[in-house]
Amino acid sequence: DWFKLRAGKVTGSELNNLITDKLKIRSWASEMPNSYLHRKLAERWRGEALQSFGGNQQTDQGVIYEEQARNFFASLLEADIEQVGGIESGDERCWCSPDGIIGETTGLEIKCPNADTQVGWLLAGGMPEEHVLQVQFSLWVSEFKEWQFLSWCKDLPHIAIKVERSMGICGVIEEAVHDFNARMDAAFARLLELNGGPPPKRKVFVPSPESEDKPYVDINP
């Protein structure tokens, strides 16, 4: 369900396809934005996510320790952390996935990195550069007042950084996303033209316990 809801939408974890770590909008003469456009068009056409990233040791570790980290930071911040599936932009074209929210004004990005990564972030101080864009995108989509970047790794000091919206970075995000969506709409119109109409209605089958002869029923005939 989560993958289906974000299908065809620009997301924070994928924003590097449109904007570099140096906060420069990628040229459409390069491969990354075009490949991203094609993937999002395919998702929009089918109404579902394509095969996605399966994870690695770092992401698996995040899944294992995230609940422990969330409980730690709930105590640290003296606040109840609500878990949500995601936040959709007002125009329904963008999607961010907080690791938790506090009230209606604060979002959370919780990381559980490897020990060497945590040490590097601690020594560098401040917000890790590789996560600036994602957090600012979340602030832009949600229109929240602030975001908390939280990083937890057992046996090491934690990181808790309050991040407020940067008008400069959000301006770059807005420009890149609006350009992307305009190109996506034009390309989708071309697909409709080539197809001679809208995409075929996809059949959705669900278990049917009432009939052994017909164990699955099409709910979208």
Protein backbone atom coordinates (compact mmCIF):
# COMPACT_ATOMS: atom_id res chain seq x y z
CA ASP A 1 0.00 0.00 0.00
CA TRP A 2 2.83 2.40 0.90
CA PHE A 3 4.60 1.85 -2.42
CA LYS A 4 1.33 2.28 -4.32
CA LEU A 5 0.54 5.58 -2.58
CA ARG A 6 3.88 7.12 -3.54
CA ALA A 7 3.94 5.70 -7.07
CA GLY A 8 4.31 8.35 -9.77
CA LYS A 9 5.14 11.06 -7.21
CA VAL A 10 8.44 12.85 -6.54
CA THR A 11 9.83 11.67 -3.20
CA GLY A 12 12.54 12.99 -0.91
CA SER A 13 14.69 9.86 -1.05
CA GLU A 14 14.76 10.11 -4.86
CA LEU A 15 15.30 13.85 -5.17
CA ASN A 16 18.97 13.40 -5.98
CA ASN A 17 17.79 12.40 -9.45
CA LEU A 18 16.84 16.03 -10.00
CA ILE A 19 19.19 17.97 -7.70
CA THR A 20 22.85 17.37 -6.84
CA ASP A 21 24.34 17.29 -3.33
CA LYS A 22 25.66 20.78 -4.11
CA LEU A 23 22.04 21.88 -4.54
CA LYS A 24 22.29 22.41 -8.30
CA ILE A 25 19.44 21.36 -10.58
CA ARG A 26 20.60 18.56 -12.85
CA SER A 27 20.72 19.23 -16.58
CA TRP A 28 18.19 17.38 -18.71
CA ALA A 29 21.07 16.63 -21.04
CA SER A 30 22.23 14.12 -18.40
CA GLU A 31 20.88 10.62 -17.80
CA MET A 32 19.59 10.77 -14.21
CA PRO A 33 16.59 13.10 -14.56
CA ASN A 34 15.49 11.39 -17.77
CA SER A 35 15.67 7.90 -16.25
CA TYR A 36 13.74 9.16 -13.24
CA LEU A 37 11.08 10.70 -15.50
CA HIS A 38 10.67 7.42 -17.38
CA ARG A 39 10.30 5.47 -14.13
CA LYS A 40 7.73 7.86 -12.69
CA LEU A 41 5.79 7.87 -15.97
CA ALA A 42 5.66 4.08 -15.92
CA GLU A 43 4.41 4.15 -12.33
CA ARG A 44 1.74 6.71 -13.19
CA TRP A 45 0.67 4.68 -16.21
CA ARG A 46 0.35 1.44 -14.25
CA GLY A 47 -0.84 3.01 -11.01
CA GLU A 48 1.72 1.09 -8.99
CA ALA A 49 5.38 1.20 -8.05
CA LEU A 50 7.93 -0.55 -10.18
CA GLN A 51 10.39 -2.99 -8.63
CA SER A 52 12.28 -0.93 -6.11
CA PHE A 53 15.45 -0.90 -4.04
CA GLY A 54 15.65 -4.08 -1.98
CA GLY A 55 17.89 -2.73 0.75
CA ASN A 56 21.39 -3.39 2.01
CA GLN A 57 23.10 -3.92 5.35
CA GLN A 58 22.71 -0.24 6.27
CA THR A 59 18.99 -0.09 5.51
CA ASP A 60 18.37 -3.47 7.16
CA GLN A 61 20.09 -2.19 10.30
CA GLY A 62 17.88 0.90 10.21
CA VAL A 63 14.76 -1.27 10.16
CA ILE A 64 16.02 -3.40 13.07
CA TYR A 65 16.96 -0.50 15.35
CA GLU A 66 14.49 2.21 14.31
CA GLU A 67 11.88 1.36 16.96
CA GLN A 68 14.54 1.37 19.69
CA ALA A 69 15.82 4.70 18.39
CA ARG A 70 12.29 6.13 18.24
CA ASN A 71 11.64 5.20 21.86
CA PHE A 72 14.98 6.74 22.88
CA PHE A 73 14.20 10.03 21.16
CA ALA A 74 10.62 10.10 22.45
CA SER A 75 12.11 10.08 25.94
CA LEU A 76 14.80 12.60 25.01
CA LEU A 77 12.32 15.03 23.43
CA GLU A 78 9.70 14.34 26.11
CA ALA A 79 7.07 13.95 23.41
CA ASP A 80 4.75 11.36 21.94
CA ILE A 81 5.93 10.34 18.48
CA GLU A 82 3.19 9.40 16.04
CA GLN A 83 4.01 7.06 13.18
CA VAL A 84 2.47 7.86 9.79
CA GLY A 85 2.75 6.31 6.36
CA GLY A 86 3.61 9.56 4.65
CA ILE A 87 2.61 13.12 3.83
CA GLU A 88 1.32 14.10 0.39
CA SER A 89 1.68 17.60 -1.03
CA GLY A 90 -1.42 19.68 -1.63
CA ASP A 91 -1.27 19.08 -5.37
CA GLU A 92 -0.83 15.30 -4.81
CA ARG A 93 2.37 15.30 -6.88
CA CYS A 94 4.97 14.86 -4.10
CA TRP A 95 5.41 12.52 -1.16
CA CYS A 96 7.60 12.48 1.94
CA SER A 97 7.81 9.73 4.55
CA PRO A 98 8.58 10.96 8.08
CA ASP A 99 9.93 8.46 10.55
CA GLY A 100 7.51 10.08 12.97
CA ILE A 101 5.75 13.35 13.70
CA ILE A 102 5.23 15.36 16.86
CA GLY A 103 1.95 17.24 16.90
CA GLU A 104 1.18 19.13 13.69
CA THR A 105 4.38 21.15 13.38
CA THR A 106 7.39 18.82 13.69
CA GLY A 107 8.59 15.94 11.55
CA LEU A 108 11.34 13.44 12.35
CA GLU A 109 14.08 11.86 10.25
CA ILE A 110 15.57 9.00 12.28
CA LYS A 111 18.79 7.32 11.19
CA CYS A 112 20.43 4.23 12.68
CA PRO A 113 23.75 4.17 10.80
CA ASN A 114 26.80 1.98 11.13
CA ALA A 115 29.21 2.98 13.89
CA ASP A 116 31.80 4.47 11.51
CA THR A 117 29.14 6.64 9.86
CA GLN A 118 27.89 7.87 13.23
CA VAL A 119 31.46 8.71 14.31
CA GLY A 120 32.00 10.66 11.09
CA TRP A 121 28.79 12.64 11.59
CA LEU A 122 29.64 13.37 15.23
CA LEU A 123 33.13 14.65 14.39
CA ALA A 124 31.93 16.74 11.44
CA GLY A 125 29.18 18.34 13.51
CA GLY A 126 26.00 19.84 12.12
CA MET A 127 23.59 18.36 9.66
CA PRO A 128 25.11 15.59 7.46
CA GLU A 129 25.37 17.02 3.95
CA GLU A 130 23.89 13.91 2.32
CA HIS A 131 20.60 14.36 4.17
CA VAL A 132 20.08 18.12 3.84
CA LEU A 133 18.06 17.86 0.63
CA GLN A 134 15.74 15.13 1.92
CA VAL A 135 14.94 16.99 5.13
CA GLN A 136 14.33 20.30 3.34
CA PHE A 137 12.08 18.50 0.85
CA SER A 138 10.08 17.10 3.77
CA LEU A 139 9.69 20.60 5.22
CA TRP A 140 8.61 21.92 1.81
CA VAL A 141 6.04 19.16 1.22
CA SER A 142 4.61 19.08 4.75
CA GLU A 143 4.77 22.85 5.40
CA PHE A 144 5.80 21.92 8.94
CA LYS A 145 7.56 24.46 11.12
CA GLU A 146 10.61 22.29 11.79
CA TRP A 147 12.16 18.87 11.30
CA GLN A 148 14.32 16.97 13.76
CA PHE A 149 17.27 15.05 12.31
CA LEU A 150 17.98 12.27 14.80
CA SER A 151 20.72 9.67 14.59
CA TRP A 152 21.19 6.81 17.04
CA CYS A 153 23.86 4.14 17.20
CA LYS A 154 24.31 1.93 20.25
CA ASP A 155 27.36 2.66 22.42
CA LEU A 156 27.91 6.06 20.74
CA PRO A 157 26.61 9.57 21.47
CA HIS A 158 23.35 10.42 19.72
CA ILE A 159 22.75 13.26 17.27
CA ALA A 160 19.72 15.53 17.54
CA ILE A 161 19.56 18.55 15.24
CA LYS A 162 16.58 20.86 14.82
CA VAL A 163 16.25 21.94 11.18
CA GLU A 164 14.17 24.87 9.99
CA ARG A 165 13.14 25.62 6.45
CA SER A 166 15.75 27.17 4.17
CA MET A 167 14.00 29.46 1.69
CA GLY A 168 16.97 29.17 -0.67
CA ILE A 169 17.01 25.37 -0.75
CA CYS A 170 13.23 25.12 -0.90
CA GLY A 171 13.30 27.53 -3.82
CA VAL A 172 15.63 25.19 -5.70
CA ILE A 173 13.39 22.22 -4.84
CA GLU A 174 10.28 24.04 -6.03
CA GLU A 175 11.89 25.01 -9.33
CA ALA A 176 13.18 21.48 -9.98
CA VAL A 177 9.92 19.76 -9.03
CA HIS A 178 7.67 22.09 -11.01
CA ASP A 179 9.84 21.67 -14.10
CA PHE A 180 9.81 17.90 -13.63
CA ASN A 181 6.01 17.78 -13.27
CA ALA A 182 5.52 19.94 -16.37
CA ARG A 183 7.73 17.58 -18.38
CA MET A 184 5.93 14.60 -16.90
CA ASP A 185 2.50 15.94 -17.90
CA ALA A 186 3.68 16.59 -21.45
CA ALA A 187 5.23 13.13 -21.70
CA PHE A 188 2.11 11.47 -20.26
CA ALA A 189 -0.02 13.25 -22.85
CA ARG A 190 2.28 11.86 -25.55
CA LEU A 191 1.88 8.33 -24.13
CA LEU A 192 -1.90 8.73 -24.28
CA GLU A 193 -1.59 9.80 -27.89
CA LEU A 194 0.62 6.85 -28.78
CA ASN A 195 -1.73 4.46 -26.97
CA GLY A 196 -4.82 5.90 -28.59
CA GLY A 197 -6.36 6.52 -25.20
CA PRO A 198 -5.87 5.86 -21.49
CA PRO A 199 -3.98 2.84 -20.18
CA PRO A 200 -5.94 -0.41 -19.90
CA LYS A 201 -7.71 -0.98 -16.61
CA ARG A 202 -5.61 -3.33 -14.52
CA LYS A 203 -7.33 -6.31 -12.95
CA VAL A 204 -7.07 -6.60 -9.17
CA PHE A 205 -7.65 -10.03 -7.65
CA VAL A 206 -8.42 -10.71 -4.00
CA PRO A 207 -8.92 -14.02 -2.14
CA SER A 208 -12.47 -15.38 -2.30
CA PRO A 209 -13.08 -17.72 0.65
CA GLU A 210 -16.65 -18.37 -0.52
CA SER A 211 -15.67 -20.44 -3.54
CA GLU A 212 -13.09 -23.22 -3.75
CA ASP A 213 -13.60 -23.45 -7.52
CA LYS A 214 -12.84 -19.73 -7.93
CA PRO A 215 -10.36 -18.85 -5.17
CA TYR A 216 -9.75 -15.29 -6.47
CA VAL A 217 -12.25 -12.65 -7.53
CA ASP A 218 -11.62 -9.69 -9.83
CA ILE A 219 -12.75 -6.60 -7.90
CA ASN A 220 -12.11 -4.27 -10.84
CA PRO A 221 -13.64 -6.06 -13.86
